[in-house]
Structures are given as structure tokens and as C-alpha cells.
């Protein structure tokens, strides 16, 4: 990910691998300055690194936010809200379609304001996997799966056309068609990245 933070705690470090050098924010370095984080759950370490990467002097992320996350270890609770910026978003079609509808509505509003609608896009990569909508109409023969997907396209043509529009019109948005697999399977086998730069 792009390192945009102020790095007030001086945790930015570099790693060279495969002939490339990348910046990262060291959990070890923050531990030396603000307290031991070795017992934080892995998911909380991900949040901690995210806060370090985007620390901006308190506009959205402050050193106090970092400290609050570390202090969470004391009694496993906190009343402080923190900022989180994911590297990407994975959507399933029933929950994802309303997101695309919102983006389309914002583009319509930009057009009504005589502004450039193409400025409305997801800020991070978004994958919408159309998975749980395939129904079983055909079964018990070799062409059943193929025919079920075909029926599905007919049944949901308007929704799929809309999502196809989103894939072609919105930057940072891709829709994975039905019949490809379930959301988490498609994510693990085709979409997910272990390292983001």
C-alpha cells in the first residue's frame, strides 16, 4: 500500500525482496515506543499497521489512536473509534448491488450538478462476486449446471446488465459473473493477494 502517513513514531522501514524495495510500518518499532504488542491478536496487528500507515497528525488518524489500540490489551475493550482503510473490498451480490446503486446515484447527482460523473469511483479495488443467486431448476443430468446458469442469466438479466455497466464504467470495480463459484472460494482461488504494494 502507498505509505502516506506522517510517521511521527518513525516506524517506517524498508524491505528488499526479489529485487524490489518496499516501505512497511514496523510493529516491532511501535512496540519499542508505545508498549508491547506481542499479545495483540493478529487482526488487531493488521489494524495497528493500518493506523501507522495512515497516521496524519489527527485529521483522521493520530498517535493517540495508535496508543488506544495498543492499550486495548489492558482489558480488551475501548470506547475510542479508529479509522480503518482496507486495501480492497469484497462484496457478495445481494449486499453489493446496493453499493453499486449508490455509486450510480452519485454519478447521476454529479451530472445534475453539471460536474464530471466519472470522478465518482470506489477509492479502493472492489470485487463483487455474484454467487448465491443461482437456483436449482435443472438437476440429475450432465447439462444441469450449465442450464441453471443460463436460466439465472435470463431471470436476472436487468441486475446483471447493471453490474456489467458498473464493471465497464467504474474504476476500481469488477463483477465476477454467476456460475464461477461462491464468494470466498473465488476470493481465495482467483482474487485475493497476500501482499499489497
Protein backbone atom coordinates (compact mmCIF):
# COMPACT_ATOMS: atom_id res chain seq x y z
CA UNK A 1 0.00 0.00 0.00
CA UNK A 2 1.08 3.56 -0.53
CA UNK A 3 2.68 4.96 2.60
CA UNK A 4 1.05 8.33 3.14
CA UNK A 5 1.41 8.68 6.89
CA UNK A 6 3.39 11.33 8.74
CA UNK A 7 5.29 8.58 10.54
CA UNK A 8 5.51 10.57 13.78
CA UNK A 9 6.61 7.41 15.59
CA UNK A 10 9.32 6.68 13.00
CA UNK A 11 8.15 3.15 12.30
CA UNK A 12 8.54 3.30 8.52
CA UNK A 13 11.06 0.69 7.45
CA UNK A 14 12.19 -0.82 4.16
CA UNK A 15 12.33 -4.38 2.93
CA UNK A 16 14.14 -5.58 -0.16
CA UNK A 17 12.94 -8.80 -1.76
CA UNK A 18 13.00 -10.07 -5.31
CA UNK A 19 14.98 -7.05 -6.43
CA UNK A 20 12.32 -4.61 -5.21
CA UNK A 21 12.38 -2.34 -2.18
CA UNK A 22 9.13 -1.52 -0.40
CA UNK A 23 8.20 0.53 2.65
CA UNK A 24 6.33 -1.03 5.54
CA UNK A 25 5.46 0.08 9.06
CA UNK A 26 7.21 -1.92 11.74
CA UNK A 27 5.12 -3.37 14.54
CA UNK A 28 8.37 -4.06 16.40
CA UNK A 29 9.35 -0.38 16.29
CA UNK A 30 5.98 0.82 17.59
CA UNK A 31 6.20 -1.78 20.35
CA UNK A 32 9.52 -0.30 21.48
CA UNK A 33 7.94 3.18 21.69
CA UNK A 34 4.38 2.66 22.92
CA UNK A 35 4.29 -0.72 24.62
CA UNK A 36 4.46 -4.43 23.90
CA UNK A 37 2.09 -5.64 21.19
CA UNK A 38 3.21 -9.27 21.04
CA UNK A 39 -0.05 -10.45 22.66
CA UNK A 40 -2.33 -8.50 20.33
CA UNK A 41 -4.44 -10.79 18.14
CA UNK A 42 -3.22 -10.89 14.55
CA UNK A 43 -6.30 -8.99 13.32
CA UNK A 44 -5.50 -6.17 15.75
CA UNK A 45 -1.92 -6.06 14.46
CA UNK A 46 -3.35 -5.55 10.97
CA UNK A 47 -5.39 -2.61 12.33
CA UNK A 48 -2.30 -1.27 14.10
CA UNK A 49 -0.21 -1.34 10.93
CA UNK A 50 -3.07 0.36 9.08
CA UNK A 51 -3.15 3.18 11.66
CA UNK A 52 0.63 3.62 11.42
CA UNK A 53 0.50 3.74 7.61
CA UNK A 54 -2.19 6.42 7.52
CA UNK A 55 -1.28 8.50 10.60
CA UNK A 56 -1.83 12.10 9.57
CA UNK A 57 -1.45 14.18 12.71
CA UNK A 58 -5.02 13.67 13.86
CA UNK A 59 -7.01 14.66 10.78
CA UNK A 60 -8.17 11.05 10.53
CA UNK A 61 -5.51 9.11 12.46
CA UNK A 62 -3.47 10.28 15.44
CA UNK A 63 -0.72 8.81 17.60
CA UNK A 64 -3.38 8.67 20.34
CA UNK A 65 -5.40 6.30 18.13
CA UNK A 66 -2.35 4.05 17.85
CA UNK A 67 -1.85 4.18 21.62
CA UNK A 68 -5.54 3.40 22.23
CA UNK A 69 -5.30 0.30 20.09
CA UNK A 70 -2.21 -0.86 21.99
CA UNK A 71 -3.89 -0.06 25.33
CA UNK A 72 -6.84 -2.27 24.29
CA UNK A 73 -4.75 -5.17 25.64
CA UNK A 74 -5.30 -4.00 29.23
CA UNK A 75 -8.96 -5.02 29.44
CA UNK A 76 -9.89 -5.98 25.86
CA UNK A 77 -12.27 -3.06 25.41
CA UNK A 78 -12.21 0.53 24.28
CA UNK A 79 -14.67 3.33 23.64
CA UNK A 80 -12.42 5.00 21.07
CA UNK A 81 -13.31 4.75 17.40
CA UNK A 82 -10.46 4.30 14.94
CA UNK A 83 -10.09 4.90 11.24
CA UNK A 84 -9.58 1.86 9.00
CA UNK A 85 -8.72 1.93 5.33
CA UNK A 86 -8.90 -1.51 3.73
CA UNK A 87 -6.66 -2.42 0.80
CA UNK A 88 -9.71 -3.69 -1.06
CA UNK A 89 -13.35 -4.67 -0.59
CA UNK A 90 -15.00 -7.99 -1.40
CA UNK A 91 -18.77 -7.90 -1.93
CA UNK A 92 -21.35 -10.61 -2.38
CA UNK A 93 -24.03 -9.70 -4.91
CA UNK A 94 -27.05 -9.19 -2.62
CA UNK A 95 -25.14 -6.78 -0.36
CA UNK A 96 -23.00 -5.38 -3.15
CA UNK A 97 -25.71 -4.34 -5.60
CA UNK A 98 -26.94 -1.53 -3.28
CA UNK A 99 -23.36 -0.20 -3.16
CA UNK A 100 -23.26 0.00 -6.95
CA UNK A 101 -26.72 1.61 -6.94
CA UNK A 102 -25.36 4.28 -4.57
CA UNK A 103 -22.38 4.92 -6.87
CA UNK A 104 -24.72 5.20 -9.87
CA UNK A 105 -26.95 7.64 -7.94
CA UNK A 106 -23.92 9.75 -7.03
CA UNK A 107 -22.92 9.82 -10.69
CA UNK A 108 -26.45 10.96 -11.60
CA UNK A 109 -26.18 13.71 -8.97
CA UNK A 110 -22.85 14.84 -10.43
CA UNK A 111 -24.46 15.01 -13.88
CA UNK A 112 -27.35 17.06 -12.46
CA UNK A 113 -24.77 19.44 -10.94
CA UNK A 114 -23.06 19.72 -14.34
CA UNK A 115 -19.94 18.11 -12.86
CA UNK A 116 -17.89 15.19 -14.14
CA UNK A 117 -19.64 11.93 -13.11
CA UNK A 118 -16.52 9.88 -13.89
CA UNK A 119 -14.98 11.29 -10.71
CA UNK A 120 -17.28 9.00 -8.68
CA UNK A 121 -15.50 5.67 -8.17
CA UNK A 122 -14.59 3.33 -5.33
CA UNK A 123 -11.41 4.57 -3.61
CA UNK A 124 -10.02 1.04 -3.29
CA UNK A 125 -10.38 -2.01 -5.54
CA UNK A 126 -13.80 -3.66 -5.20
CA UNK A 127 -14.72 -7.16 -6.38
CA UNK A 128 -18.40 -8.12 -6.41
CA UNK A 129 -18.92 -11.87 -6.70
CA UNK A 130 -22.33 -12.97 -7.98
CA UNK A 131 -22.67 -16.25 -6.15
CA UNK A 132 -25.69 -17.12 -4.03
CA UNK A 133 -28.38 -16.26 -6.54
CA UNK A 134 -28.15 -19.40 -8.74
CA UNK A 135 -31.22 -21.57 -8.13
CA UNK A 136 -31.55 -25.26 -8.94
CA UNK A 137 -34.10 -25.64 -11.71
CA UNK A 138 -32.36 -28.46 -13.57
CA UNK A 139 -30.72 -31.45 -11.91
CA UNK A 140 -29.74 -35.06 -12.44
CA UNK A 141 -28.14 -34.72 -15.89
CA UNK A 142 -24.74 -33.62 -17.28
CA UNK A 143 -26.01 -30.26 -18.62
CA UNK A 144 -27.83 -29.27 -15.39
CA UNK A 145 -25.23 -26.80 -14.07
CA UNK A 146 -24.86 -25.12 -17.46
CA UNK A 147 -28.64 -24.84 -17.88
CA UNK A 148 -29.10 -23.45 -14.35
CA UNK A 149 -26.61 -20.65 -15.10
CA UNK A 150 -28.37 -19.92 -18.40
CA UNK A 151 -31.75 -19.70 -16.63
CA UNK A 152 -30.13 -17.50 -14.00
CA UNK A 153 -28.94 -15.03 -16.67
CA UNK A 154 -32.47 -14.85 -18.08
CA UNK A 155 -34.07 -14.47 -14.65
CA UNK A 156 -31.73 -11.66 -13.54
CA UNK A 157 -30.84 -10.02 -16.85
CA UNK A 158 -31.55 -6.48 -15.63
CA UNK A 159 -29.42 -6.85 -12.50
CA UNK A 160 -26.55 -8.45 -14.41
CA UNK A 161 -26.69 -5.75 -17.10
CA UNK A 162 -26.46 -3.15 -14.35
CA UNK A 163 -23.44 -4.86 -12.77
CA UNK A 164 -21.83 -5.17 -16.21
CA UNK A 165 -22.32 -1.40 -16.60
CA UNK A 166 -20.57 -0.96 -13.24
CA UNK A 167 -17.63 -3.10 -14.34
CA UNK A 168 -17.20 -1.09 -17.51
CA UNK A 169 -17.94 2.37 -16.11
CA UNK A 170 -16.43 2.46 -12.63
CA UNK A 171 -12.72 2.48 -11.95
CA UNK A 172 -11.63 0.03 -9.25
CA UNK A 173 -14.77 -2.14 -9.66
CA UNK A 174 -15.06 -5.64 -11.10
CA UNK A 175 -18.03 -8.02 -11.07
CA UNK A 176 -17.39 -11.78 -11.16
CA UNK A 177 -20.21 -13.50 -13.11
CA UNK A 178 -22.54 -16.17 -11.74
CA UNK A 179 -21.63 -19.81 -12.04
CA UNK A 180 -17.99 -19.09 -11.18
CA UNK A 181 -18.16 -20.24 -7.55
CA UNK A 182 -19.09 -18.90 -4.14
CA UNK A 183 -17.68 -15.61 -2.90
CA UNK A 184 -14.99 -16.95 -0.57
CA UNK A 185 -13.88 -19.69 -2.96
CA UNK A 186 -13.49 -17.19 -5.83
CA UNK A 187 -11.69 -14.84 -3.47
CA UNK A 188 -9.17 -17.44 -2.29
CA UNK A 189 -8.58 -19.05 -5.68
CA UNK A 190 -8.57 -16.05 -8.01
CA UNK A 191 -8.76 -12.61 -6.42
CA UNK A 192 -7.00 -12.39 -3.06
CA UNK A 193 -3.45 -11.13 -2.77
CA UNK A 194 -1.18 -11.96 0.13
CA UNK A 195 0.90 -8.79 -0.25
CA UNK A 196 -0.30 -5.38 -1.41
CA UNK A 197 2.10 -2.73 -2.65
